[in-house]
Amino acid sequence: MQSRGSNARFSGMGVRSPISSLMLAMFATMASFYVAGRLWQDAQNRVYLTKELDRITGQGHNAISVADTLKIIECREQRKKLSALEMELATARQEGFVSKQSSDMKKKTPEKGPSIVIGIFTSFGRKNDRDAIRKAWMSTGAALKRMEEEKGIVARFVIGRSANRGDSLDRSIDSENSQTNDFLILENHVEAPEELPKKTKLFFAHAADSWTADFYAKVNDNVFVNLDSLGNSLASYSSVPRVYIGCMKSGEVFSEQGHKWYEPDWWKFGDGKTYFRHASTELFVISQAMARYISINRSLLRTYAHDDVSVGSWFIGADVKHVDDRKFCCSSWSSGAICSGV
């Protein structure tokens, strides 16, 4: 009996064995088809990607290096940025924005800029000094307009705003300007003696942005200027691209607080406590390139306690021709002087 049971079990196993083998074979066949299909799909993907990279890079069947791949990625990023900028520009144009370049291109004949822009530094309560300058050398009304058109000389009184914005001081200047139209009002500057260096920087920046002139001059409102002599003197420097002209001087740096000429940054000027050479604040001239230099770097240029020293510091490390012209010494009353102080 035991022998027959054993034989029966062996017999059952023998019957099921062909079926298991058949299922195993079918499974293996299906797995083979699946693997082959995946391999074929991967191969097709590689072929497609290779063709796309060949098309973008134009390198045919040459191998693409890592550097080339990075360049492709960078180009795609740049295209995205360019597309975004084009969309922003289109939106700006719809809102009425017109670039300065586009506006200039619409002009049939470009207008010639002035030969010099003169900023006459003034302050509140000095109307008598301004009137004296208008009568002496600046002119007013139609005569001022002719001076600009015929001689190429633009002259403006430069002033900031009151600390109490809109008070009687501001209203007085606005009223005077409505009659004379000869002010350059620095809207974002507070008029104060200690802010004079910043006022000087803002003037040159604003003037360079508003007029494309050969030269830009700064003069005090108690100085009379001979415009013909000034023009003749500057003509000899028209071919010098970067020039700084004035009555050059130096002087002691005072480190004692409370002194009239106290310099908070006195320690920067060395053990000798002497300023570098710079033009007197009464009258000095800079060329167009230097005015543009101030305009572009206005946020970086350091100001010191005095405006003349501040201007000199901006040019001390630049490739600028310093011209010490004694005719610009307004207080010396020298022969042939361009200016005279009162």
C-alpha atoms as a PDB file:
ATOM      1  CA  MET A   1       0.000   0.000   0.000  1.00  0.00           C
ATOM      2  CA  GLN A   2       2.747   2.375   0.877  1.00  0.00           C
ATOM      3  CA  SER A   3       4.483   1.611  -2.367  1.00  0.00           C
ATOM      4  CA  ARG A   4       1.387   2.336  -4.423  1.00  0.00           C
ATOM      5  CA  GLY A   5       0.877   5.714  -2.615  1.00  0.00           C
ATOM      6  CA  SER A   6       4.360   6.741  -3.369  1.00  0.00           C
ATOM      7  CA  ASN A   7       4.003   5.777  -6.973  1.00  0.00           C
ATOM      8  CA  ALA A   8       0.738   7.738  -7.196  1.00  0.00           C
ATOM      9  CA  ARG A   9       2.385  10.845  -5.873  1.00  0.00           C
ATOM     10  CA  PHE A  10       5.235  10.488  -8.325  1.00  0.00           C
ATOM     11  CA  SER A  11       2.699   9.871 -11.060  1.00  0.00           C
ATOM     12  CA  GLY A  12       0.774  13.115 -10.212  1.00  0.00           C
ATOM     13  CA  MET A  13       3.934  15.124 -10.272  1.00  0.00           C
ATOM     14  CA  GLY A  14       4.804  13.736 -13.616  1.00  0.00           C
ATOM     15  CA  VAL A  15       1.456  14.839 -15.051  1.00  0.00           C
ATOM     16  CA  ARG A  16       1.797  18.477 -13.809  1.00  0.00           C
ATOM     17  CA  SER A  17       5.389  18.954 -14.934  1.00  0.00           C
ATOM     18  CA  PRO A  18       4.675  19.652 -18.673  1.00  0.00           C
ATOM     19  CA  ILE A  19       2.126  22.342 -17.774  1.00  0.00           C
ATOM     20  CA  SER A  20       4.586  24.172 -15.467  1.00  0.00           C
ATOM     21  CA  SER A  21       7.234  24.080 -18.155  1.00  0.00           C
ATOM     22  CA  LEU A  22       4.843  25.526 -20.698  1.00  0.00           C
ATOM     23  CA  MET A  23       3.866  28.414 -18.382  1.00  0.00           C
ATOM     24  CA  LEU A  24       7.499  29.119 -17.640  1.00  0.00           C
ATOM     25  CA  ALA A  25       8.263  29.244 -21.336  1.00  0.00           C
ATOM     26  CA  MET A  26       5.369  31.619 -22.021  1.00  0.00           C
ATOM     27  CA  PHE A  27       6.489  33.891 -19.190  1.00  0.00           C
ATOM     28  CA  ALA A  28      10.043  33.931 -20.491  1.00  0.00           C
ATOM     29  CA  THR A  29       8.819  34.775 -23.983  1.00  0.00           C
ATOM     30  CA  MET A  30       6.692  37.650 -22.735  1.00  0.00           C
ATOM     31  CA  ALA A  31       9.564  38.971 -20.639  1.00  0.00           C
ATOM     32  CA  SER A  32      11.815  38.850 -23.662  1.00  0.00           C
ATOM     33  CA  PHE A  33       9.339  40.841 -25.725  1.00  0.00           C
ATOM     34  CA  TYR A  34       8.994  43.409 -22.909  1.00  0.00           C
ATOM     35  CA  VAL A  35      12.755  43.869 -22.500  1.00  0.00           C
ATOM     36  CA  ALA A  36      13.227  44.063 -26.250  1.00  0.00           C
ATOM     37  CA  GLY A  37      10.471  46.651 -26.489  1.00  0.00           C
ATOM     38  CA  ARG A  38      11.994  48.808 -23.769  1.00  0.00           C
ATOM     39  CA  LEU A  39      15.405  48.570 -25.346  1.00  0.00           C
ATOM     40  CA  TRP A  40      13.959  49.570 -28.704  1.00  0.00           C
ATOM     41  CA  GLN A  41      12.091  52.515 -27.141  1.00  0.00           C
ATOM     42  CA  ASP A  42      15.233  53.703 -25.334  1.00  0.00           C
ATOM     43  CA  ALA A  43      17.169  53.431 -28.563  1.00  0.00           C
ATOM     44  CA  GLN A  44      14.544  55.487 -30.368  1.00  0.00           C
ATOM     45  CA  ASN A  45      14.671  58.128 -27.616  1.00  0.00           C
ATOM     46  CA  ARG A  46      18.455  58.315 -27.853  1.00  0.00           C
ATOM     47  CA  VAL A  47      18.261  58.696 -31.618  1.00  0.00           C
ATOM     48  CA  TYR A  48      15.680  61.494 -31.276  1.00  0.00           C
ATOM     49  CA  LEU A  49      17.652  63.355 -28.620  1.00  0.00           C
ATOM     50  CA  THR A  50      20.846  63.019 -30.642  1.00  0.00           C
ATOM     51  CA  LYS A  51      19.139  64.427 -33.729  1.00  0.00           C
ATOM     52  CA  GLU A  52      17.726  67.326 -31.707  1.00  0.00           C
ATOM     53  CA  LEU A  53      21.110  68.189 -30.259  1.00  0.00           C
ATOM     54  CA  ASP A  54      22.666  67.877 -33.728  1.00  0.00           C
ATOM     55  CA  ARG A  55      20.043  70.220 -35.112  1.00  0.00           C
ATOM     56  CA  ILE A  56      20.581  72.819 -32.347  1.00  0.00           C
ATOM     57  CA  THR A  57      24.332  72.741 -32.339  1.00  0.00           C
ATOM     58  CA  GLY A  58      24.809  72.169 -36.080  1.00  0.00           C
ATOM     59  CA  GLN A  59      27.597  69.712 -35.394  1.00  0.00           C
ATOM     60  CA  GLY A  60      26.270  66.779 -37.411  1.00  0.00           C
ATOM     61  CA  HIS A  61      27.164  63.459 -35.855  1.00  0.00           C
ATOM     62  CA  ASN A  62      30.048  64.801 -33.823  1.00  0.00           C
ATOM     63  CA  ALA A  63      29.979  63.987 -30.129  1.00  0.00           C
ATOM     64  CA  ILE A  64      28.712  66.792 -27.876  1.00  0.00           C
ATOM     65  CA  SER A  65      30.917  67.620 -24.945  1.00  0.00           C
ATOM     66  CA  VAL A  66      29.792  68.650 -21.470  1.00  0.00           C
ATOM     67  CA  ALA A  67      30.845  72.232 -22.207  1.00  0.00           C
ATOM     68  CA  ASP A  68      28.716  72.294 -25.354  1.00  0.00           C
ATOM     69  CA  THR A  69      25.743  70.939 -23.435  1.00  0.00           C
ATOM     70  CA  LEU A  70      26.151  73.677 -20.811  1.00  0.00           C
ATOM     71  CA  LYS A  71      26.263  76.278 -23.561  1.00  0.00           C
ATOM     72  CA  ILE A  72      23.009  74.929 -24.970  1.00  0.00           C
ATOM     73  CA  ILE A  73      21.369  75.168 -21.558  1.00  0.00           C
ATOM     74  CA  GLU A  74      22.703  78.702 -21.086  1.00  0.00           C
ATOM     75  CA  CYS A  75      21.370  79.727 -24.497  1.00  0.00           C
ATOM     76  CA  ARG A  76      17.945  78.402 -23.600  1.00  0.00           C
ATOM     77  CA  GLU A  77      17.979  80.386 -20.346  1.00  0.00           C
ATOM     78  CA  GLN A  78      19.008  83.519 -22.216  1.00  0.00           C
ATOM     79  CA  ARG A  79      16.140  82.972 -24.662  1.00  0.00           C
ATOM     80  CA  LYS A  80      13.711  82.777 -21.779  1.00  0.00           C
ATOM     81  CA  LYS A  81      15.072  86.034 -20.298  1.00  0.00           C
ATOM     82  CA  LEU A  82      14.945  87.728 -23.701  1.00  0.00           C
ATOM     83  CA  SER A  83      11.355  86.649 -24.193  1.00  0.00           C
ATOM     84  CA  ALA A  84      10.456  88.017 -20.761  1.00  0.00           C
ATOM     85  CA  LEU A  85      12.140  91.345 -21.529  1.00  0.00           C
ATOM     86  CA  GLU A  86      10.356  91.575 -24.877  1.00  0.00           C
ATOM     87  CA  MET A  87       7.048  91.054 -23.103  1.00  0.00           C
ATOM     88  CA  GLU A  88       7.905  93.778 -20.561  1.00  0.00           C
ATOM     89  CA  LEU A  89       8.899  96.154 -23.359  1.00  0.00           C
ATOM     90  CA  ALA A  90       5.674  95.471 -25.222  1.00  0.00           C
ATOM     91  CA  THR A  91       3.691  96.184 -22.048  1.00  0.00           C
ATOM     92  CA  ALA A  92       5.635  99.413 -21.452  1.00  0.00           C
ATOM     93  CA  ARG A  93       4.966 100.585 -25.004  1.00  0.00           C
ATOM     94  CA  GLN A  94       1.274  99.933 -24.554  1.00  0.00           C
ATOM     95  CA  GLU A  95       1.398 102.153 -21.461  1.00  0.00           C
ATOM     96  CA  GLY A  96       2.908 104.990 -23.498  1.00  0.00           C
ATOM     97  CA  PHE A  97       6.636 104.555 -22.797  1.00  0.00           C
ATOM     98  CA  VAL A  98       8.957 105.804 -25.545  1.00  0.00           C
ATOM     99  CA  SER A  99      12.696 105.277 -25.171  1.00  0.00           C
ATOM    100  CA  LYS A 100      15.024 108.242 -25.553  1.00  0.00           C
ATOM    101  CA  GLN A 101      16.770 106.494 -28.437  1.00  0.00           C
ATOM    102  CA  SER A 102      13.487 106.011 -30.293  1.00  0.00           C
ATOM    103  CA  SER A 103      12.545 109.607 -29.647  1.00  0.00           C
ATOM    104  CA  ASP A 104      15.899 110.818 -30.963  1.00  0.00           C
ATOM    105  CA  MET A 105      15.610 108.666 -34.089  1.00  0.00           C
ATOM    106  CA  LYS A 106      12.330 110.368 -34.963  1.00  0.00           C
ATOM    107  CA  LYS A 107      14.058 113.715 -35.223  1.00  0.00           C
ATOM    108  CA  LYS A 108      14.983 114.519 -38.806  1.00  0.00           C
ATOM    109  CA  THR A 109      17.958 116.680 -37.898  1.00  0.00           C
ATOM    110  CA  PRO A 110      19.696 116.276 -34.516  1.00  0.00           C
ATOM    111  CA  GLU A 111      20.027 119.537 -32.618  1.00  0.00           C
ATOM    112  CA  LYS A 112      23.485 120.716 -31.665  1.00  0.00           C
ATOM    113  CA  GLY A 113      23.963 120.944 -27.924  1.00  0.00           C
ATOM    114  CA  PRO A 114      25.231 124.066 -26.131  1.00  0.00           C
ATOM    115  CA  SER A 115      28.920 124.769 -25.830  1.00  0.00           C
ATOM    116  CA  ILE A 116      28.723 125.303 -22.066  1.00  0.00           C
ATOM    117  CA  VAL A 117      26.193 124.976 -19.262  1.00  0.00           C
ATOM    118  CA  ILE A 118      26.814 127.325 -16.318  1.00  0.00           C
ATOM    119  CA  GLY A 119      25.305 126.603 -12.933  1.00  0.00           C
ATOM    120  CA  ILE A 120      25.174 129.706 -10.725  1.00  0.00           C
ATOM    121  CA  PHE A 121      24.921 128.477  -7.153  1.00  0.00           C
ATOM    122  CA  THR A 122      22.508 130.559  -5.114  1.00  0.00           C
ATOM    123  CA  SER A 123      20.379 130.196  -1.991  1.00  0.00           C
ATOM    124  CA  PHE A 124      17.298 131.634  -0.321  1.00  0.00           C
ATOM    125  CA  GLY A 125      17.271 135.348   0.405  1.00  0.00           C
ATOM    126  CA  ARG A 126      19.804 136.306  -2.282  1.00  0.00           C
ATOM    127  CA  LYS A 127      17.531 137.798  -4.912  1.00  0.00           C
ATOM    128  CA  ASN A 128      19.545 141.039  -5.019  1.00  0.00           C
ATOM    129  CA  ASP A 129      22.661 139.088  -5.962  1.00  0.00           C
ATOM    130  CA  ARG A 130      20.757 137.246  -8.666  1.00  0.00           C
ATOM    131  CA  ASP A 131      19.362 140.477 -10.081  1.00  0.00           C
ATOM    132  CA  ALA A 132      22.870 141.947 -10.157  1.00  0.00           C
ATOM    133  CA  ILE A 133      24.114 138.969 -12.187  1.00  0.00           C
ATOM    134  CA  ARG A 134      21.142 139.215 -14.564  1.00  0.00           C
ATOM    135  CA  LYS A 135      22.005 142.841 -15.268  1.00  0.00           C
ATOM    136  CA  ALA A 136      25.766 142.311 -15.465  1.00  0.00           C
ATOM    137  CA  TRP A 137      26.346 139.244 -17.621  1.00  0.00           C
ATOM    138  CA  MET A 138      23.550 136.687 -17.623  1.00  0.00           C
ATOM    139  CA  SER A 139      20.699 138.623 -19.261  1.00  0.00           C
ATOM    140  CA  THR A 140      17.011 137.820 -18.958  1.00  0.00           C
ATOM    141  CA  GLY A 141      14.014 137.037 -21.112  1.00  0.00           C
ATOM    142  CA  ALA A 142      14.582 137.178 -24.879  1.00  0.00           C
ATOM    143  CA  ALA A 143      18.240 138.156 -24.410  1.00  0.00           C
ATOM    144  CA  LEU A 144      18.835 135.023 -22.338  1.00  0.00           C
ATOM    145  CA  LYS A 145      17.200 132.934 -25.060  1.00  0.00           C
ATOM    146  CA  ARG A 146      19.418 134.509 -27.730  1.00  0.00           C
ATOM    147  CA  MET A 147      22.494 133.809 -25.628  1.00  0.00           C
ATOM    148  CA  GLU A 148      21.559 130.154 -25.636  1.00  0.00           C
ATOM    149  CA  GLU A 149      20.724 129.963 -29.342  1.00  0.00           C
ATOM    150  CA  GLU A 150      23.455 132.187 -30.779  1.00  0.00           C
ATOM    151  CA  LYS A 151      26.350 131.687 -28.366  1.00  0.00           C
ATOM    152  CA  GLY A 152      25.504 128.215 -27.100  1.00  0.00           C
ATOM    153  CA  ILE A 153      25.686 129.350 -23.457  1.00  0.00           C
ATOM    154  CA  VAL A 154      23.094 128.040 -21.004  1.00  0.00           C
ATOM    155  CA  ALA A 155      23.077 129.748 -17.599  1.00  0.00           C
ATOM    156  CA  ARG A 156      20.816 128.787 -14.698  1.00  0.00           C
ATOM    157  CA  PHE A 157      20.594 129.662 -11.017  1.00  0.00           C
ATOM    158  CA  VAL A 158      20.912 126.395  -9.073  1.00  0.00           C
ATOM    159  CA  ILE A 159      18.965 125.943  -5.861  1.00  0.00           C
ATOM    160  CA  GLY A 160      17.375 123.164  -3.824  1.00  0.00           C
ATOM    161  CA  ARG A 161      14.192 123.069  -1.799  1.00  0.00           C
ATOM    162  CA  SER A 162      13.436 124.228   1.719  1.00  0.00           C
ATOM    163  CA  ALA A 163      13.617 121.768   4.600  1.00  0.00           C
ATOM    164  CA  ASN A 164       9.982 122.747   5.229  1.00  0.00           C
ATOM    165  CA  ARG A 165       8.836 121.790   1.773  1.00  0.00           C
ATOM    166  CA  GLY A 166       6.346 124.235   0.249  1.00  0.00           C
ATOM    167  CA  ASP A 167       6.942 127.053   2.736  1.00  0.00           C
ATOM    168  CA  SER A 168       7.385 130.746   1.934  1.00  0.00           C
ATOM    169  CA  LEU A 169      10.998 130.188   0.832  1.00  0.00           C
ATOM    170  CA  ASP A 170       9.963 127.676  -1.806  1.00  0.00           C
ATOM    171  CA  ARG A 171       7.030 129.801  -2.910  1.00  0.00           C
ATOM    172  CA  SER A 172       9.306 132.828  -3.279  1.00  0.00           C
ATOM    173  CA  ILE A 173      11.669 130.926  -5.591  1.00  0.00           C
ATOM    174  CA  ASP A 174       8.784 129.497  -7.616  1.00  0.00           C
ATOM    175  CA  SER A 175       7.333 132.979  -8.020  1.00  0.00           C
ATOM    176  CA  GLU A 176      10.667 134.433  -9.134  1.00  0.00           C
ATOM    177  CA  ASN A 177      11.224 131.554 -11.549  1.00  0.00           C
ATOM    178  CA  SER A 178       7.782 132.034 -13.096  1.00  0.00           C
ATOM    179  CA  GLN A 179       8.883 135.554 -14.066  1.00  0.00           C
ATOM    180  CA  THR A 180      12.477 134.867 -15.129  1.00  0.00           C
ATOM    181  CA  ASN A 181      12.482 131.172 -16.104  1.00  0.00           C
ATOM    182  CA  ASP A 182      16.202 130.938 -15.309  1.00  0.00           C
ATOM    183  CA  PHE A 183      16.339 128.488 -12.377  1.00  0.00           C
ATOM    184  CA  LEU A 184      17.454 124.899 -12.177  1.00  0.00           C
ATOM    185  CA  ILE A 185      15.592 123.684  -9.080  1.00  0.00           C
ATOM    186  CA  LEU A 186      16.945 120.459  -7.569  1.00  0.00           C
ATOM    187  CA  GLU A 187      13.681 119.014  -6.289  1.00  0.00           C
ATOM    188  CA  ASN A 188      15.274 116.225  -4.251  1.00  0.00           C
ATOM    189  CA  HIS A 189      17.884 118.395  -2.543  1.00  0.00           C
ATOM    190  CA  VAL A 190      17.434 120.279   0.736  1.00  0.00           C
ATOM    191  CA  GLU A 191      19.084 123.695   0.584  1.00  0.00           C
ATOM    192  CA  ALA A 192      21.597 124.024   3.452  1.00  0.00           C
ATOM    193  CA  PRO A 193      25.224 125.233   3.722  1.00  0.00           C
ATOM    194  CA  GLU A 194      26.453 121.853   4.970  1.00  0.00           C
ATOM    195  CA  GLU A 195      24.822 120.141   1.975  1.00  0.00           C
ATOM    196  CA  LEU A 196      26.727 122.169  -0.622  1.00  0.00           C
ATOM    197  CA  PRO A 197      29.004 119.269  -1.716  1.00  0.00           C
ATOM    198  CA  LYS A 198      25.966 117.100  -2.440  1.00  0.00           C
ATOM    199  CA  LYS A 199      24.321 120.007  -4.244  1.00  0.00           C
ATOM    200  CA  THR A 200      27.374 120.311  -6.487  1.00  0.00           C
ATOM    201  CA  LYS A 201      27.255 116.622  -7.344  1.00  0.00           C
ATOM    202  CA  LEU A 202      23.534 116.768  -8.103  1.00  0.00           C
ATOM    203  CA  PHE A 203      23.976 119.817 -10.321  1.00  0.00           C
ATOM    204  CA  PHE A 204      26.578 118.202 -12.569  1.00  0.00           C
ATOM    205  CA  ALA A 205      24.597 114.968 -12.731  1.00  0.00           C
ATOM    206  CA  HIS A 206      21.377 116.784 -13.600  1.00  0.00           C
ATOM    207  CA  ALA A 207      23.068 119.098 -16.097  1.00  0.00           C
ATOM    208  CA  ALA A 208      24.755 116.184 -17.871  1.00  0.00           C
ATOM    209  CA  ASP A 209      21.407 114.391 -18.100  1.00  0.00           C
ATOM    210  CA  SER A 210      19.579 117.490 -19.379  1.00  0.00           C
ATOM    211  CA  TRP A 211      22.080 119.033 -21.808  1.00  0.00           C
ATOM    212  CA  THR A 212      24.755 117.519 -24.024  1.00  0.00           C
ATOM    213  CA  ALA A 213      27.319 120.300 -23.784  1.00  0.00           C
ATOM    214  CA  ASP A 214      31.051 120.523 -24.395  1.00  0.00           C
ATOM    215  CA  PHE A 215      31.701 121.972 -20.925  1.00  0.00           C
ATOM    216  CA  TYR A 216      29.935 122.428 -17.599  1.00  0.00           C
ATOM    217  CA  ALA A 217      30.810 125.218 -15.155  1.00  0.00           C
ATOM    218  CA  LYS A 218      30.032 125.924 -11.525  1.00  0.00           C
ATOM    219  CA  VAL A 219      30.142 129.545 -10.306  1.00  0.00           C
ATOM    220  CA  ASN A 220      29.013 131.346  -7.157  1.00  0.00           C
ATOM    221  CA  ASP A 221      26.273 133.990  -7.238  1.00  0.00           C
ATOM    222  CA  ASN A 222      28.694 136.702  -6.080  1.00  0.00           C
ATOM    223  CA  VAL A 223      31.003 136.285  -9.083  1.00  0.00           C
ATOM    224  CA  PHE A 224      30.866 138.210 -12.349  1.00  0.00           C
ATOM    225  CA  VAL A 225      31.935 136.296 -15.449  1.00  0.00           C
ATOM    226  CA  ASN A 226      33.267 137.580 -18.770  1.00  0.00           C
ATOM    227  CA  LEU A 227      31.524 135.140 -21.101  1.00  0.00           C
ATOM    228  CA  ASP A 228      33.586 136.043 -24.172  1.00  0.00           C
ATOM    229  CA  SER A 229      36.856 135.497 -22.310  1.00  0.00           C
ATOM    230  CA  LEU A 230      35.516 132.247 -20.878  1.00  0.00           C
ATOM    231  CA  GLY A 231      34.568 130.985 -24.330  1.00  0.00           C
ATOM    232  CA  ASN A 232      37.947 131.906 -25.809  1.00  0.00           C
ATOM    233  CA  SER A 233      39.782 130.195 -22.975  1.00  0.00           C
ATOM    234  CA  LEU A 234      37.787 126.979 -23.261  1.00  0.00           C
ATOM    235  CA  ALA A 235      38.220 126.805 -27.035  1.00  0.00           C
ATOM    236  CA  SER A 236      41.840 125.714 -26.552  1.00  0.00           C
ATOM    237  CA  TYR A 237      40.668 122.661 -24.579  1.00  0.00           C
ATOM    238  CA  SER A 238      37.938 121.498 -26.957  1.00  0.00           C
ATOM    239  CA  SER A 239      40.105 118.600 -28.149  1.00  0.00           C
ATOM    240  CA  VAL A 240      40.912 117.392 -24.619  1.00  0.00           C
ATOM    241  CA  PRO A 241      38.368 114.685 -23.737  1.00  0.00           C
ATOM    242  CA  ARG A 242      38.779 114.812 -19.954  1.00  0.00           C
ATOM    243  CA  VAL A 243      39.681 118.155 -18.458  1.00  0.00           C
ATOM    244  CA  TYR A 244      39.266 119.941 -15.118  1.00  0.00           C
ATOM    245  CA  ILE A 245      39.994 123.683 -15.317  1.00  0.00           C
ATOM    246  CA  GLY A 246      40.200 126.237 -12.557  1.00  0.00           C
ATOM    247  CA  CYS A 247      42.260 128.190 -10.093  1.00  0.00           C
ATOM    248  CA  MET A 248      44.027 125.238  -8.468  1.00  0.00           C
ATOM    249  CA  LYS A 249      44.934 125.384  -4.801  1.00  0.00           C
ATOM    250  CA  SER A 250      45.563 123.208  -1.762  1.00  0.00           C
ATOM    251  CA  GLY A 251      45.368 123.974   1.933  1.00  0.00           C
ATOM    252  CA  GLU A 252      45.468 122.761   5.500  1.00  0.00           C
ATOM    253  CA  VAL A 253      43.076 120.100   6.734  1.00  0.00           C
ATOM    254  CA  PHE A 254      41.595 121.122  10.086  1.00  0.00           C
ATOM    255  CA  SER A 255      40.863 118.319  12.545  1.00  0.00           C
ATOM    256  CA  GLU A 256      39.558 120.416  15.430  1.00  0.00           C
ATOM    257  CA  GLN A 257      35.800 120.262  15.880  1.00  0.00           C
ATOM    258  CA  GLY A 258      34.219 123.688  15.992  1.00  0.00           C
ATOM    259  CA  HIS A 259      36.694 125.164  13.519  1.00  0.00           C
ATOM    260  CA  LYS A 260      35.098 126.974  10.573  1.00  0.00           C
ATOM    261  CA  TRP A 261      36.792 124.653   8.073  1.00  0.00           C
ATOM    262  CA  TYR A 262      36.595 121.454  10.132  1.00  0.00           C
ATOM    263  CA  GLU A 263      36.985 118.274   8.088  1.00  0.00           C
ATOM    264  CA  PRO A 264      35.384 115.190   9.729  1.00  0.00           C
ATOM    265  CA  ASP A 265      37.437 112.896   7.498  1.00  0.00           C
ATOM    266  CA  TRP A 266      40.701 114.676   8.277  1.00  0.00           C
ATOM    267  CA  TRP A 267      42.494 111.387   9.010  1.00  0.00           C
ATOM    268  CA  LYS A 268      42.180 110.337   5.363  1.00  0.00           C
ATOM    269  CA  PHE A 269      44.559 113.066   4.223  1.00  0.00           C
ATOM    270  CA  GLY A 270      47.691 111.701   5.866  1.00  0.00           C
ATOM    271  CA  ASP A 271      50.000 112.891   8.587  1.00  0.00           C
ATOM    272  CA  GLY A 272      50.676 116.192   6.853  1.00  0.00           C
ATOM    273  CA  LYS A 273      46.973 117.101   6.958  1.00  0.00           C
ATOM    274  CA  THR A 274      47.089 118.810   3.569  1.00  0.00           C
ATOM    275  CA  TYR A 275      44.451 118.668   0.853  1.00  0.00           C
ATOM    276  CA  PHE A 276      45.321 117.522  -2.649  1.00  0.00           C
ATOM    277  CA  ARG A 277      45.217 120.077  -5.464  1.00  0.00           C
ATOM    278  CA  HIS A 278      41.707 121.126  -6.438  1.00  0.00           C
ATOM    279  CA  ALA A 279      39.979 124.044  -8.150  1.00  0.00           C
ATOM    280  CA  SER A 280      38.617 126.996  -6.207  1.00  0.00           C
ATOM    281  CA  THR A 281      34.854 126.876  -5.768  1.00  0.00           C
ATOM    282  CA  GLU A 282      34.333 130.419  -7.146  1.00  0.00           C
ATOM    283  CA  LEU A 283      34.513 129.203 -10.756  1.00  0.00           C
ATOM    284  CA  PHE A 284      35.692 125.987 -12.356  1.00  0.00           C
ATOM    285  CA  VAL A 285      34.884 124.018 -15.505  1.00  0.00           C
ATOM    286  CA  ILE A 286      34.805 120.341 -16.396  1.00  0.00           C
ATOM    287  CA  SER A 287      34.401 118.652 -19.767  1.00  0.00           C
ATOM    288  CA  GLN A 288      31.432 116.600 -20.907  1.00  0.00           C
ATOM    289  CA  ALA A 289      33.113 113.274 -20.148  1.00  0.00           C
ATOM    290  CA  MET A 290      33.675 114.260 -16.522  1.00  0.00           C
ATOM    291  CA  ALA A 291      30.110 115.497 -16.076  1.00  0.00           C
ATOM    292  CA  ARG A 292      28.890 112.173 -17.425  1.00  0.00           C
ATOM    293  CA  TYR A 293      31.308 110.435 -15.070  1.00  0.00           C
ATOM    294  CA  ILE A 294      29.696 112.228 -12.122  1.00  0.00           C
ATOM    295  CA  SER A 295      26.209 111.442 -13.375  1.00  0.00           C
ATOM    296  CA  ILE A 296      26.896 107.723 -13.784  1.00  0.00           C
ATOM    297  CA  ASN A 297      28.715 107.351 -10.460  1.00  0.00           C
ATOM    298  CA  ARG A 298      26.684 109.787  -8.371  1.00  0.00           C
ATOM    299  CA  SER A 299      25.714 107.111  -5.844  1.00  0.00           C
ATOM    300  CA  LEU A 300      29.358 106.098  -5.298  1.00  0.00           C
ATOM    301  CA  LEU A 301      31.175 109.425  -5.236  1.00  0.00           C
ATOM    302  CA  ARG A 302      32.119 110.483  -1.714  1.00  0.00           C
ATOM    303  CA  THR A 303      31.563 114.042  -0.520  1.00  0.00           C
ATOM    304  CA  TYR A 304      33.728 115.809   2.051  1.00  0.00           C
ATOM    305  CA  ALA A 305      33.048 118.877   4.183  1.00  0.00           C
ATOM    306  CA  HIS A 306      33.725 121.311   1.320  1.00  0.00           C
ATOM    307  CA  ASP A 307      32.398 121.266  -2.228  1.00  0.00           C
ATOM    308  CA  ASP A 308      35.675 122.207  -3.937  1.00  0.00           C
ATOM    309  CA  VAL A 309      37.560 119.435  -2.127  1.00  0.00           C
ATOM    310  CA  SER A 310      34.787 116.961  -2.950  1.00  0.00           C
ATOM    311  CA  VAL A 311      34.985 117.686  -6.680  1.00  0.00           C
ATOM    312  CA  GLY A 312      38.769 117.404  -6.604  1.00  0.00           C
ATOM    313  CA  SER A 313      38.530 114.036  -4.864  1.00  0.00           C
ATOM    314  CA  TRP A 314      36.314 112.629  -7.631  1.00  0.00           C
ATOM    315  CA  PHE A 315      39.019 113.312 -10.209  1.00  0.00           C
ATOM    316  CA  ILE A 316      42.167 112.589  -8.222  1.00  0.00           C
ATOM    317  CA  GLY A 317      42.203 108.931  -9.245  1.00  0.00           C
ATOM    318  CA  ALA A 318      40.845 109.379 -12.767  1.00  0.00           C
ATOM    319  CA  ASP A 319      42.690 110.020 -16.015  1.00  0.00           C
ATOM    320  CA  VAL A 320      41.891 113.738 -16.084  1.00  0.00           C
ATOM    321  CA  LYS A 321      43.952 116.687 -17.245  1.00  0.00           C
ATOM    322  CA  HIS A 322      44.170 119.214 -14.389  1.00  0.00           C
ATOM    323  CA  VAL A 323      44.593 122.751 -15.733  1.00  0.00           C
ATOM    324  CA  ASP A 324      45.697 125.463 -13.311  1.00  0.00           C
ATOM    325  CA  ASP A 325      44.561 128.615 -15.144  1.00  0.00           C
ATOM    326  CA  ARG A 326      45.151 131.779 -13.108  1.00  0.00           C
ATOM    327  CA  LYS A 327      42.507 133.607 -15.166  1.00  0.00           C
ATOM    328  CA  PHE A 328      39.982 131.558 -13.166  1.00  0.00           C
ATOM    329  CA  CYS A 329      41.213 133.054  -9.874  1.00  0.00           C
ATOM    330  CA  CYS A 330      38.266 135.398  -9.358  1.00  0.00           C
ATOM    331  CA  SER A 331      39.575 137.065  -6.202  1.00  0.00           C
ATOM    332  CA  SER A 332      43.061 137.885  -7.502  1.00  0.00           C
ATOM    333  CA  TRP A 333      42.035 140.613  -9.976  1.00  0.00           C
ATOM    334  CA  SER A 334      44.786 139.453 -12.298  1.00  0.00           C
ATOM    335  CA  SER A 335      45.195 140.839 -15.811  1.00  0.00           C
ATOM    336  CA  GLY A 336      42.892 139.144 -18.307  1.00  0.00           C
ATOM    337  CA  ALA A 337      40.842 137.466 -15.557  1.00  0.00           C
ATOM    338  CA  ILE A 338      37.729 135.673 -16.671  1.00  0.00           C
ATOM    339  CA  CYS A 339      35.884 136.390 -13.453  1.00  0.00           C
ATOM    340  CA  SER A 340      35.827 138.759 -10.507  1.00  0.00           C
ATOM    341  CA  GLY A 341      34.292 138.347  -7.071  1.00  0.00           C
ATOM    342  CA  VAL A 342      32.211 141.002  -5.353  1.00  0.00           C
END
